[in-house]
């Protein structure tokens, strides 16, 4: 009984947090770097739904997929949400093999009317990020859903913009020897630790928070176009089979949720300006799913 009351209280606090955030003034000004994984699609949708977050640009860097493939998916997703005003940058291909799950990820459409070659001018990620920093008056949070390579190269080339970086928020499980996002560019994480920039490393170090029917049923209960798009994408047979096998979890989604409702998370100093961020101990799946549902409903 006590646990049920606690769950209801937490859910109430989450909804109140989103209601109080409807000021019209963004709290966060973010650039998002994505490597094309399916959890990136969910995370980007969550960021776009947040009223207190302004997405300034999205860059595409190699990780799960090659940059050209990611570029198509991101632009089609933005078109589906009528958010074509957000510019998309393109990183260069790395001399690395794509991971085993790239084959099935490539098949997943991020939007129903997917164009293979959107008619959009291509700009390099570095040029796009520097143009945003040059012209934007507020400090900017760099969100990394893949490796840190794109941002490391940007900071190395444009050190004059370091003072305008609010912080870096990166998805990478710090409790395993080398998570995938870190392995793509090991030197980039080392570089940022030495730069002593504020960095929150968000991870899911549990066996909880599976992307499953309970998750989908929870977000279905909103009128949000962002929730509907996530549900539509997760009807792909390749994803359904992985959901049934419990091979999908909330990963990069937690980065967007952390910025929106940080009190659902706990932080641990990791040395220098680096902090490890994880969901509060024993937080029920229902609370996390409801929090995501409330976040998505902001953008209905």
C-alpha atoms as a PDB file:
ATOM      1  CA  UNK A   1       0.000   0.000   0.000  1.00  0.00           C
ATOM      2  CA  UNK A   2       2.808   2.392   0.953  1.00  0.00           C
ATOM      3  CA  UNK A   3       4.619   1.684  -2.326  1.00  0.00           C
ATOM      4  CA  UNK A   4       1.456   2.432  -4.314  1.00  0.00           C
ATOM      5  CA  UNK A   5       1.008   5.753  -2.507  1.00  0.00           C
ATOM      6  CA  UNK A   6       4.665   6.610  -3.156  1.00  0.00           C
ATOM      7  CA  UNK A   7       4.259   5.850  -6.867  1.00  0.00           C
ATOM      8  CA  UNK A   8       1.164   8.078  -7.086  1.00  0.00           C
ATOM      9  CA  UNK A   9       2.962  10.867  -5.231  1.00  0.00           C
ATOM     10  CA  UNK A  10       5.968  10.706  -7.547  1.00  0.00           C
ATOM     11  CA  UNK A  11       3.736  10.740 -10.627  1.00  0.00           C
ATOM     12  CA  UNK A  12       1.890  13.763  -9.247  1.00  0.00           C
ATOM     13  CA  UNK A  13       5.188  15.582  -8.668  1.00  0.00           C
ATOM     14  CA  UNK A  14       6.269  14.825 -12.246  1.00  0.00           C
ATOM     15  CA  UNK A  15       3.077  16.252 -13.730  1.00  0.00           C
ATOM     16  CA  UNK A  16       3.311  19.339 -11.516  1.00  0.00           C
ATOM     17  CA  UNK A  17       6.891  19.867 -12.664  1.00  0.00           C
ATOM     18  CA  UNK A  18       5.816  19.947 -16.291  1.00  0.00           C
ATOM     19  CA  UNK A  19       2.871  22.265 -15.574  1.00  0.00           C
ATOM     20  CA  UNK A  20       5.146  24.723 -13.767  1.00  0.00           C
ATOM     21  CA  UNK A  21       7.582  24.650 -16.712  1.00  0.00           C
ATOM     22  CA  UNK A  22       5.038  26.129 -19.135  1.00  0.00           C
ATOM     23  CA  UNK A  23       6.542  29.624 -18.928  1.00  0.00           C
ATOM     24  CA  UNK A  24       7.261  29.977 -22.621  1.00  0.00           C
ATOM     25  CA  UNK A  25      10.924  30.741 -21.898  1.00  0.00           C
ATOM     26  CA  UNK A  26      13.313  27.867 -22.624  1.00  0.00           C
ATOM     27  CA  UNK A  27      15.460  26.740 -19.744  1.00  0.00           C
ATOM     28  CA  UNK A  28      17.826  24.751 -21.951  1.00  0.00           C
ATOM     29  CA  UNK A  29      19.318  25.614 -25.314  1.00  0.00           C
ATOM     30  CA  UNK A  30      20.664  22.412 -26.838  1.00  0.00           C
ATOM     31  CA  UNK A  31      22.501  20.975 -29.791  1.00  0.00           C
ATOM     32  CA  UNK A  32      21.960  17.218 -30.198  1.00  0.00           C
ATOM     33  CA  UNK A  33      24.442  14.819 -31.747  1.00  0.00           C
ATOM     34  CA  UNK A  34      22.945  11.463 -32.798  1.00  0.00           C
ATOM     35  CA  UNK A  35      24.448   8.230 -34.112  1.00  0.00           C
ATOM     36  CA  UNK A  36      21.169   6.906 -35.559  1.00  0.00           C
ATOM     37  CA  UNK A  37      20.104   4.308 -32.995  1.00  0.00           C
ATOM     38  CA  UNK A  38      16.390   3.771 -32.375  1.00  0.00           C
ATOM     39  CA  UNK A  39      16.648   5.132 -28.821  1.00  0.00           C
ATOM     40  CA  UNK A  40      17.994   8.342 -30.378  1.00  0.00           C
ATOM     41  CA  UNK A  41      14.717   8.681 -32.272  1.00  0.00           C
ATOM     42  CA  UNK A  42      12.819   8.483 -28.994  1.00  0.00           C
ATOM     43  CA  UNK A  43      15.186  10.906 -27.246  1.00  0.00           C
ATOM     44  CA  UNK A  44      15.030  13.470 -30.058  1.00  0.00           C
ATOM     45  CA  UNK A  45      11.223  13.286 -30.010  1.00  0.00           C
ATOM     46  CA  UNK A  46      11.279  13.899 -26.257  1.00  0.00           C
ATOM     47  CA  UNK A  47      13.550  16.919 -26.633  1.00  0.00           C
ATOM     48  CA  UNK A  48      11.340  18.390 -29.348  1.00  0.00           C
ATOM     49  CA  UNK A  49       8.273  17.952 -27.134  1.00  0.00           C
ATOM     50  CA  UNK A  50       9.719  19.898 -24.200  1.00  0.00           C
ATOM     51  CA  UNK A  51       8.485  23.464 -23.900  1.00  0.00           C
ATOM     52  CA  UNK A  52      11.420  24.497 -21.744  1.00  0.00           C
ATOM     53  CA  UNK A  53      14.027  23.175 -24.193  1.00  0.00           C
ATOM     54  CA  UNK A  54      14.999  24.806 -27.477  1.00  0.00           C
ATOM     55  CA  UNK A  55      16.691  22.491 -29.980  1.00  0.00           C
ATOM     56  CA  UNK A  56      19.083  24.664 -31.984  1.00  0.00           C
ATOM     57  CA  UNK A  57      20.572  22.009 -34.281  1.00  0.00           C
ATOM     58  CA  UNK A  58      21.035  18.272 -34.702  1.00  0.00           C
ATOM     59  CA  UNK A  59      24.243  16.708 -35.981  1.00  0.00           C
ATOM     60  CA  UNK A  60      24.725  13.211 -37.381  1.00  0.00           C
ATOM     61  CA  UNK A  61      27.848  11.272 -36.447  1.00  0.00           C
ATOM     62  CA  UNK A  62      28.878   7.690 -37.090  1.00  0.00           C
ATOM     63  CA  UNK A  63      28.075   5.127 -34.456  1.00  0.00           C
ATOM     64  CA  UNK A  64      25.178   2.755 -34.981  1.00  0.00           C
ATOM     65  CA  UNK A  65      24.792   4.003 -38.582  1.00  0.00           C
ATOM     66  CA  UNK A  66      26.794   5.983 -41.104  1.00  0.00           C
ATOM     67  CA  UNK A  67      26.217   9.775 -41.092  1.00  0.00           C
ATOM     68  CA  UNK A  68      24.470   9.885 -44.507  1.00  0.00           C
ATOM     69  CA  UNK A  69      21.863   7.358 -43.370  1.00  0.00           C
ATOM     70  CA  UNK A  70      21.272   9.218 -40.110  1.00  0.00           C
ATOM     71  CA  UNK A  71      20.909  12.510 -41.987  1.00  0.00           C
ATOM     72  CA  UNK A  72      17.982  11.112 -43.972  1.00  0.00           C
ATOM     73  CA  UNK A  73      16.256   9.719 -40.883  1.00  0.00           C
ATOM     74  CA  UNK A  74      16.622  12.911 -38.857  1.00  0.00           C
ATOM     75  CA  UNK A  75      15.338  15.150 -41.638  1.00  0.00           C
ATOM     76  CA  UNK A  76      12.351  12.910 -42.236  1.00  0.00           C
ATOM     77  CA  UNK A  77      11.545  12.920 -38.530  1.00  0.00           C
ATOM     78  CA  UNK A  78      11.743  16.719 -38.375  1.00  0.00           C
ATOM     79  CA  UNK A  79       9.495  16.924 -41.427  1.00  0.00           C
ATOM     80  CA  UNK A  80       6.923  14.662 -39.771  1.00  0.00           C
ATOM     81  CA  UNK A  81       6.844  17.043 -36.794  1.00  0.00           C
ATOM     82  CA  UNK A  82       6.865  20.159 -39.044  1.00  0.00           C
ATOM     83  CA  UNK A  83      10.125  21.218 -37.425  1.00  0.00           C
ATOM     84  CA  UNK A  84      12.119  21.761 -40.608  1.00  0.00           C
ATOM     85  CA  UNK A  85      13.486  25.030 -39.192  1.00  0.00           C
ATOM     86  CA  UNK A  86      15.989  23.003 -37.138  1.00  0.00           C
ATOM     87  CA  UNK A  87      19.219  22.672 -39.151  1.00  0.00           C
ATOM     88  CA  UNK A  88      20.917  19.282 -39.477  1.00  0.00           C
ATOM     89  CA  UNK A  89      24.680  18.813 -39.759  1.00  0.00           C
ATOM     90  CA  UNK A  90      26.591  15.944 -41.282  1.00  0.00           C
ATOM     91  CA  UNK A  91      29.810  14.473 -39.911  1.00  0.00           C
ATOM     92  CA  UNK A  92      32.351  12.534 -41.926  1.00  0.00           C
ATOM     93  CA  UNK A  93      32.496   8.740 -42.151  1.00  0.00           C
ATOM     94  CA  UNK A  94      34.925   6.992 -39.838  1.00  0.00           C
ATOM     95  CA  UNK A  95      37.182   4.147 -40.853  1.00  0.00           C
ATOM     96  CA  UNK A  96      35.314   1.805 -38.545  1.00  0.00           C
ATOM     97  CA  UNK A  97      32.913  -1.043 -39.121  1.00  0.00           C
ATOM     98  CA  UNK A  98      29.327  -0.486 -38.095  1.00  0.00           C
ATOM     99  CA  UNK A  99      28.079  -2.602 -35.165  1.00  0.00           C
ATOM    100  CA  UNK A 100      26.113  -5.844 -35.697  1.00  0.00           C
ATOM    101  CA  UNK A 101      22.778  -4.150 -34.951  1.00  0.00           C
ATOM    102  CA  UNK A 102      23.260  -1.589 -37.745  1.00  0.00           C
ATOM    103  CA  UNK A 103      21.626  -3.862 -40.335  1.00  0.00           C
ATOM    104  CA  UNK A 104      18.254  -3.977 -38.605  1.00  0.00           C
ATOM    105  CA  UNK A 105      18.468  -0.341 -37.459  1.00  0.00           C
ATOM    106  CA  UNK A 106      18.941   0.798 -41.042  1.00  0.00           C
ATOM    107  CA  UNK A 107      15.574  -0.763 -41.974  1.00  0.00           C
ATOM    108  CA  UNK A 108      13.665   1.260 -39.383  1.00  0.00           C
ATOM    109  CA  UNK A 109      11.833   4.263 -40.773  1.00  0.00           C
ATOM    110  CA  UNK A 110      11.647   7.250 -38.439  1.00  0.00           C
ATOM    111  CA  UNK A 111       8.679   8.674 -40.368  1.00  0.00           C
ATOM    112  CA  UNK A 112       5.974   7.190 -42.593  1.00  0.00           C
ATOM    113  CA  UNK A 113       6.688   9.297 -45.677  1.00  0.00           C
ATOM    114  CA  UNK A 114      10.390   8.622 -45.765  1.00  0.00           C
ATOM    115  CA  UNK A 115      12.358  10.194 -48.600  1.00  0.00           C
ATOM    116  CA  UNK A 116      15.605   8.484 -49.460  1.00  0.00           C
ATOM    117  CA  UNK A 117      17.218  11.756 -50.557  1.00  0.00           C
ATOM    118  CA  UNK A 118      15.662  14.824 -48.897  1.00  0.00           C
ATOM    119  CA  UNK A 119      16.348  18.013 -50.847  1.00  0.00           C
ATOM    120  CA  UNK A 120      18.305  19.758 -48.118  1.00  0.00           C
ATOM    121  CA  UNK A 121      21.612  21.562 -48.270  1.00  0.00           C
ATOM    122  CA  UNK A 122      24.248  19.564 -46.456  1.00  0.00           C
ATOM    123  CA  UNK A 123      26.528  21.330 -43.997  1.00  0.00           C
ATOM    124  CA  UNK A 124      29.306  19.817 -41.944  1.00  0.00           C
ATOM    125  CA  UNK A 125      28.632  19.328 -38.251  1.00  0.00           C
ATOM    126  CA  UNK A 126      31.565  21.517 -37.247  1.00  0.00           C
ATOM    127  CA  UNK A 127      30.478  24.406 -39.451  1.00  0.00           C
ATOM    128  CA  UNK A 128      26.890  24.134 -38.223  1.00  0.00           C
ATOM    129  CA  UNK A 129      27.823  24.043 -34.538  1.00  0.00           C
ATOM    130  CA  UNK A 130      30.218  26.983 -34.877  1.00  0.00           C
ATOM    131  CA  UNK A 131      27.586  29.071 -36.685  1.00  0.00           C
ATOM    132  CA  UNK A 132      25.076  28.390 -33.904  1.00  0.00           C
ATOM    133  CA  UNK A 133      27.580  29.369 -31.199  1.00  0.00           C
ATOM    134  CA  UNK A 134      28.613  32.479 -33.089  1.00  0.00           C
ATOM    135  CA  UNK A 135      25.098  33.848 -33.432  1.00  0.00           C
ATOM    136  CA  UNK A 136      23.283  32.561 -30.339  1.00  0.00           C
ATOM    137  CA  UNK A 137      23.241  34.798 -27.239  1.00  0.00           C
ATOM    138  CA  UNK A 138      22.634  32.115 -24.573  1.00  0.00           C
ATOM    139  CA  UNK A 139      24.894  29.404 -23.216  1.00  0.00           C
ATOM    140  CA  UNK A 140      24.388  26.074 -24.965  1.00  0.00           C
ATOM    141  CA  UNK A 141      24.152  22.519 -23.647  1.00  0.00           C
ATOM    142  CA  UNK A 142      25.759  19.907 -25.890  1.00  0.00           C
ATOM    143  CA  UNK A 143      23.780  16.651 -25.872  1.00  0.00           C
ATOM    144  CA  UNK A 144      25.651  13.563 -27.091  1.00  0.00           C
ATOM    145  CA  UNK A 145      23.537  10.496 -27.901  1.00  0.00           C
ATOM    146  CA  UNK A 146      26.465   8.770 -29.604  1.00  0.00           C
ATOM    147  CA  UNK A 147      30.191   9.337 -29.194  1.00  0.00           C
ATOM    148  CA  UNK A 148      31.833  12.587 -28.088  1.00  0.00           C
ATOM    149  CA  UNK A 149      33.928  12.841 -31.255  1.00  0.00           C
ATOM    150  CA  UNK A 150      31.939  15.581 -32.991  1.00  0.00           C
ATOM    151  CA  UNK A 151      32.055  17.845 -29.942  1.00  0.00           C
ATOM    152  CA  UNK A 152      35.723  17.118 -29.220  1.00  0.00           C
ATOM    153  CA  UNK A 153      36.638  18.155 -32.754  1.00  0.00           C
ATOM    154  CA  UNK A 154      34.489  21.279 -32.467  1.00  0.00           C
ATOM    155  CA  UNK A 155      36.099  22.378 -29.197  1.00  0.00           C
ATOM    156  CA  UNK A 156      39.561  21.642 -30.571  1.00  0.00           C
ATOM    157  CA  UNK A 157      38.933  23.773 -33.654  1.00  0.00           C
ATOM    158  CA  UNK A 158      36.966  26.564 -31.973  1.00  0.00           C
ATOM    159  CA  UNK A 159      38.348  26.970 -28.415  1.00  0.00           C
ATOM    160  CA  UNK A 160      36.942  30.508 -28.299  1.00  0.00           C
ATOM    161  CA  UNK A 161      33.454  29.074 -27.800  1.00  0.00           C
ATOM    162  CA  UNK A 162      34.266  26.951 -24.736  1.00  0.00           C
ATOM    163  CA  UNK A 163      32.964  29.658 -22.379  1.00  0.00           C
ATOM    164  CA  UNK A 164      29.560  29.457 -24.085  1.00  0.00           C
ATOM    165  CA  UNK A 165      29.157  25.746 -23.320  1.00  0.00           C
ATOM    166  CA  UNK A 166      26.776  25.328 -20.379  1.00  0.00           C
ATOM    167  CA  UNK A 167      27.657  21.635 -20.027  1.00  0.00           C
ATOM    168  CA  UNK A 168      27.859  18.375 -21.954  1.00  0.00           C
ATOM    169  CA  UNK A 169      25.227  15.708 -21.288  1.00  0.00           C
ATOM    170  CA  UNK A 170      26.271  12.340 -22.690  1.00  0.00           C
ATOM    171  CA  UNK A 171      24.646   8.917 -22.696  1.00  0.00           C
ATOM    172  CA  UNK A 172      27.210   6.293 -21.745  1.00  0.00           C
ATOM    173  CA  UNK A 173      26.994   3.626 -19.065  1.00  0.00           C
ATOM    174  CA  UNK A 174      29.976   4.398 -16.837  1.00  0.00           C
ATOM    175  CA  UNK A 175      29.642   1.206 -14.818  1.00  0.00           C
ATOM    176  CA  UNK A 176      30.882  -1.147 -17.509  1.00  0.00           C
ATOM    177  CA  UNK A 177      34.432  -1.269 -18.796  1.00  0.00           C
ATOM    178  CA  UNK A 178      33.771   0.369 -22.170  1.00  0.00           C
ATOM    179  CA  UNK A 179      30.262   1.205 -23.336  1.00  0.00           C
ATOM    180  CA  UNK A 180      29.571   1.369 -27.079  1.00  0.00           C
ATOM    181  CA  UNK A 181      29.334   5.166 -27.272  1.00  0.00           C
ATOM    182  CA  UNK A 182      32.703   5.493 -25.577  1.00  0.00           C
ATOM    183  CA  UNK A 183      34.323   2.827 -27.768  1.00  0.00           C
ATOM    184  CA  UNK A 184      33.616   4.763 -30.982  1.00  0.00           C
ATOM    185  CA  UNK A 185      36.058   7.460 -29.891  1.00  0.00           C
ATOM    186  CA  UNK A 186      37.909   6.602 -26.692  1.00  0.00           C
ATOM    187  CA  UNK A 187      40.187   9.595 -27.014  1.00  0.00           C
ATOM    188  CA  UNK A 188      37.299  12.073 -27.002  1.00  0.00           C
ATOM    189  CA  UNK A 189      36.161  11.225 -23.473  1.00  0.00           C
ATOM    190  CA  UNK A 190      39.747  11.515 -22.234  1.00  0.00           C
ATOM    191  CA  UNK A 191      40.025  14.857 -24.023  1.00  0.00           C
ATOM    192  CA  UNK A 192      36.977  16.311 -22.276  1.00  0.00           C
ATOM    193  CA  UNK A 193      38.012  15.072 -18.849  1.00  0.00           C
ATOM    194  CA  UNK A 194      41.289  16.941 -19.333  1.00  0.00           C
ATOM    195  CA  UNK A 195      39.444  20.061 -20.526  1.00  0.00           C
ATOM    196  CA  UNK A 196      37.626  20.102 -17.175  1.00  0.00           C
ATOM    197  CA  UNK A 197      34.278  20.971 -18.743  1.00  0.00           C
ATOM    198  CA  UNK A 198      31.143  20.193 -16.760  1.00  0.00           C
ATOM    199  CA  UNK A 199      29.875  16.830 -18.026  1.00  0.00           C
ATOM    200  CA  UNK A 200      26.944  14.695 -16.935  1.00  0.00           C
ATOM    201  CA  UNK A 201      27.328  11.073 -18.006  1.00  0.00           C
ATOM    202  CA  UNK A 202      23.841   9.529 -17.981  1.00  0.00           C
ATOM    203  CA  UNK A 203      23.467   5.764 -17.927  1.00  0.00           C
ATOM    204  CA  UNK A 204      21.042   2.933 -17.262  1.00  0.00           C
ATOM    205  CA  UNK A 205      22.940   0.464 -15.097  1.00  0.00           C
ATOM    206  CA  UNK A 206      19.859  -1.616 -14.239  1.00  0.00           C
ATOM    207  CA  UNK A 207      17.839  -4.398 -15.812  1.00  0.00           C
ATOM    208  CA  UNK A 208      14.740  -2.193 -15.543  1.00  0.00           C
ATOM    209  CA  UNK A 209      12.995   0.216 -17.894  1.00  0.00           C
ATOM    210  CA  UNK A 210      12.461  -2.108 -20.829  1.00  0.00           C
ATOM    211  CA  UNK A 211      10.864  -0.631 -23.922  1.00  0.00           C
ATOM    212  CA  UNK A 212       7.864  -2.940 -23.983  1.00  0.00           C
ATOM    213  CA  UNK A 213       4.078  -2.954 -24.323  1.00  0.00           C
ATOM    214  CA  UNK A 214       3.672  -1.352 -20.894  1.00  0.00           C
ATOM    215  CA  UNK A 215       5.835   1.562 -22.032  1.00  0.00           C
ATOM    216  CA  UNK A 216       3.945   1.933 -25.319  1.00  0.00           C
ATOM    217  CA  UNK A 217       0.550   1.685 -23.628  1.00  0.00           C
ATOM    218  CA  UNK A 218       1.545   4.433 -21.203  1.00  0.00           C
ATOM    219  CA  UNK A 219       2.591   6.949 -23.848  1.00  0.00           C
ATOM    220  CA  UNK A 220      -0.376   6.023 -26.077  1.00  0.00           C
ATOM    221  CA  UNK A 221      -2.612   7.739 -23.537  1.00  0.00           C
ATOM    222  CA  UNK A 222      -1.443  11.195 -24.649  1.00  0.00           C
ATOM    223  CA  UNK A 223      -2.580  13.348 -27.559  1.00  0.00           C
ATOM    224  CA  UNK A 224       1.019  14.089 -28.419  1.00  0.00           C
ATOM    225  CA  UNK A 225       2.227  13.809 -32.012  1.00  0.00           C
ATOM    226  CA  UNK A 226       5.612  12.890 -30.577  1.00  0.00           C
ATOM    227  CA  UNK A 227       4.195   9.945 -28.637  1.00  0.00           C
ATOM    228  CA  UNK A 228       2.215   8.802 -31.666  1.00  0.00           C
ATOM    229  CA  UNK A 229       5.355   8.850 -33.795  1.00  0.00           C
ATOM    230  CA  UNK A 230       7.279   6.764 -31.269  1.00  0.00           C
ATOM    231  CA  UNK A 231       4.446   4.230 -31.111  1.00  0.00           C
ATOM    232  CA  UNK A 232       4.285   4.072 -34.926  1.00  0.00           C
ATOM    233  CA  UNK A 233       8.040   3.468 -35.237  1.00  0.00           C
ATOM    234  CA  UNK A 234       7.865   0.668 -32.670  1.00  0.00           C
ATOM    235  CA  UNK A 235       5.394  -1.274 -34.799  1.00  0.00           C
ATOM    236  CA  UNK A 236       8.219  -2.260 -37.160  1.00  0.00           C
ATOM    237  CA  UNK A 237       8.550  -6.087 -37.037  1.00  0.00           C
ATOM    238  CA  UNK A 238      12.284  -5.834 -36.325  1.00  0.00           C
ATOM    239  CA  UNK A 239      11.586  -3.765 -33.219  1.00  0.00           C
ATOM    240  CA  UNK A 240       8.598  -5.828 -32.081  1.00  0.00           C
ATOM    241  CA  UNK A 241      10.720  -8.973 -32.028  1.00  0.00           C
ATOM    242  CA  UNK A 242      13.394  -7.265 -29.947  1.00  0.00           C
ATOM    243  CA  UNK A 243      10.811  -5.885 -27.560  1.00  0.00           C
ATOM    244  CA  UNK A 244       9.383  -9.353 -27.068  1.00  0.00           C
ATOM    245  CA  UNK A 245      12.872 -10.692 -26.376  1.00  0.00           C
ATOM    246  CA  UNK A 246      13.444  -7.836 -23.870  1.00  0.00           C
ATOM    247  CA  UNK A 247      16.420  -6.555 -25.858  1.00  0.00           C
ATOM    248  CA  UNK A 248      15.353  -2.901 -25.801  1.00  0.00           C
ATOM    249  CA  UNK A 249      15.641  -0.565 -22.839  1.00  0.00           C
ATOM    250  CA  UNK A 250      15.375   3.126 -22.139  1.00  0.00           C
ATOM    251  CA  UNK A 251      18.867   4.360 -22.908  1.00  0.00           C
ATOM    252  CA  UNK A 252      19.322   7.722 -24.621  1.00  0.00           C
ATOM    253  CA  UNK A 253      15.733   8.522 -23.598  1.00  0.00           C
ATOM    254  CA  UNK A 254      17.073   9.041 -20.085  1.00  0.00           C
ATOM    255  CA  UNK A 255      19.167  12.016 -21.219  1.00  0.00           C
ATOM    256  CA  UNK A 256      16.036  13.924 -22.268  1.00  0.00           C
ATOM    257  CA  UNK A 257      14.192  12.844 -19.121  1.00  0.00           C
ATOM    258  CA  UNK A 258      17.119  13.892 -16.912  1.00  0.00           C
ATOM    259  CA  UNK A 259      17.103  17.452 -18.204  1.00  0.00           C
ATOM    260  CA  UNK A 260      13.331  17.660 -17.831  1.00  0.00           C
ATOM    261  CA  UNK A 261      12.948  16.163 -14.320  1.00  0.00           C
ATOM    262  CA  UNK A 262      16.400  15.887 -12.708  1.00  0.00           C
ATOM    263  CA  UNK A 263      14.987  14.986  -9.284  1.00  0.00           C
ATOM    264  CA  UNK A 264      14.163  11.518 -10.625  1.00  0.00           C
ATOM    265  CA  UNK A 265      17.915  10.942 -10.886  1.00  0.00           C
ATOM    266  CA  UNK A 266      20.887  10.663  -8.572  1.00  0.00           C
ATOM    267  CA  UNK A 267      24.357  12.017  -9.295  1.00  0.00           C
ATOM    268  CA  UNK A 268      27.773  10.835  -8.236  1.00  0.00           C
ATOM    269  CA  UNK A 269      30.982  12.828  -8.529  1.00  0.00           C
ATOM    270  CA  UNK A 270      33.417  10.992 -10.778  1.00  0.00           C
ATOM    271  CA  UNK A 271      36.429  13.267 -10.591  1.00  0.00           C
ATOM    272  CA  UNK A 272      37.005  16.755 -11.925  1.00  0.00           C
ATOM    273  CA  UNK A 273      33.837  18.186 -13.449  1.00  0.00           C
ATOM    274  CA  UNK A 274      32.431  14.779 -14.470  1.00  0.00           C
ATOM    275  CA  UNK A 275      29.293  13.430 -12.772  1.00  0.00           C
ATOM    276  CA  UNK A 276      27.639  10.035 -13.223  1.00  0.00           C
ATOM    277  CA  UNK A 277      23.846  10.237 -13.444  1.00  0.00           C
ATOM    278  CA  UNK A 278      21.448   7.322 -12.951  1.00  0.00           C
ATOM    279  CA  UNK A 279      17.758   6.896 -12.142  1.00  0.00           C
ATOM    280  CA  UNK A 280      17.006   7.019  -8.425  1.00  0.00           C
ATOM    281  CA  UNK A 281      17.382   3.618  -6.748  1.00  0.00           C
ATOM    282  CA  UNK A 282      14.349   1.348  -7.002  1.00  0.00           C
ATOM    283  CA  UNK A 283      12.259   3.873  -8.926  1.00  0.00           C
ATOM    284  CA  UNK A 284       9.348   1.834 -10.367  1.00  0.00           C
ATOM    285  CA  UNK A 285       9.050   1.453 -14.137  1.00  0.00           C
ATOM    286  CA  UNK A 286       5.577   2.975 -13.911  1.00  0.00           C
ATOM    287  CA  UNK A 287       6.936   6.276 -12.593  1.00  0.00           C
ATOM    288  CA  UNK A 288       9.547   6.547 -15.347  1.00  0.00           C
ATOM    289  CA  UNK A 289       7.020   5.667 -18.060  1.00  0.00           C
ATOM    290  CA  UNK A 290       4.500   8.171 -16.679  1.00  0.00           C
ATOM    291  CA  UNK A 291       7.183  10.839 -16.562  1.00  0.00           C
ATOM    292  CA  UNK A 292       8.011  10.249 -20.234  1.00  0.00           C
ATOM    293  CA  UNK A 293       4.304  10.329 -21.059  1.00  0.00           C
ATOM    294  CA  UNK A 294       3.924  13.689 -19.278  1.00  0.00           C
ATOM    295  CA  UNK A 295       6.979  15.056 -21.069  1.00  0.00           C
ATOM    296  CA  UNK A 296       5.661  14.011 -24.469  1.00  0.00           C
ATOM    297  CA  UNK A 297       2.252  15.485 -23.703  1.00  0.00           C
ATOM    298  CA  UNK A 298       3.855  18.931 -23.402  1.00  0.00           C
ATOM    299  CA  UNK A 299       4.211  18.883 -27.175  1.00  0.00           C
ATOM    300  CA  UNK A 300       0.707  17.752 -28.128  1.00  0.00           C
END
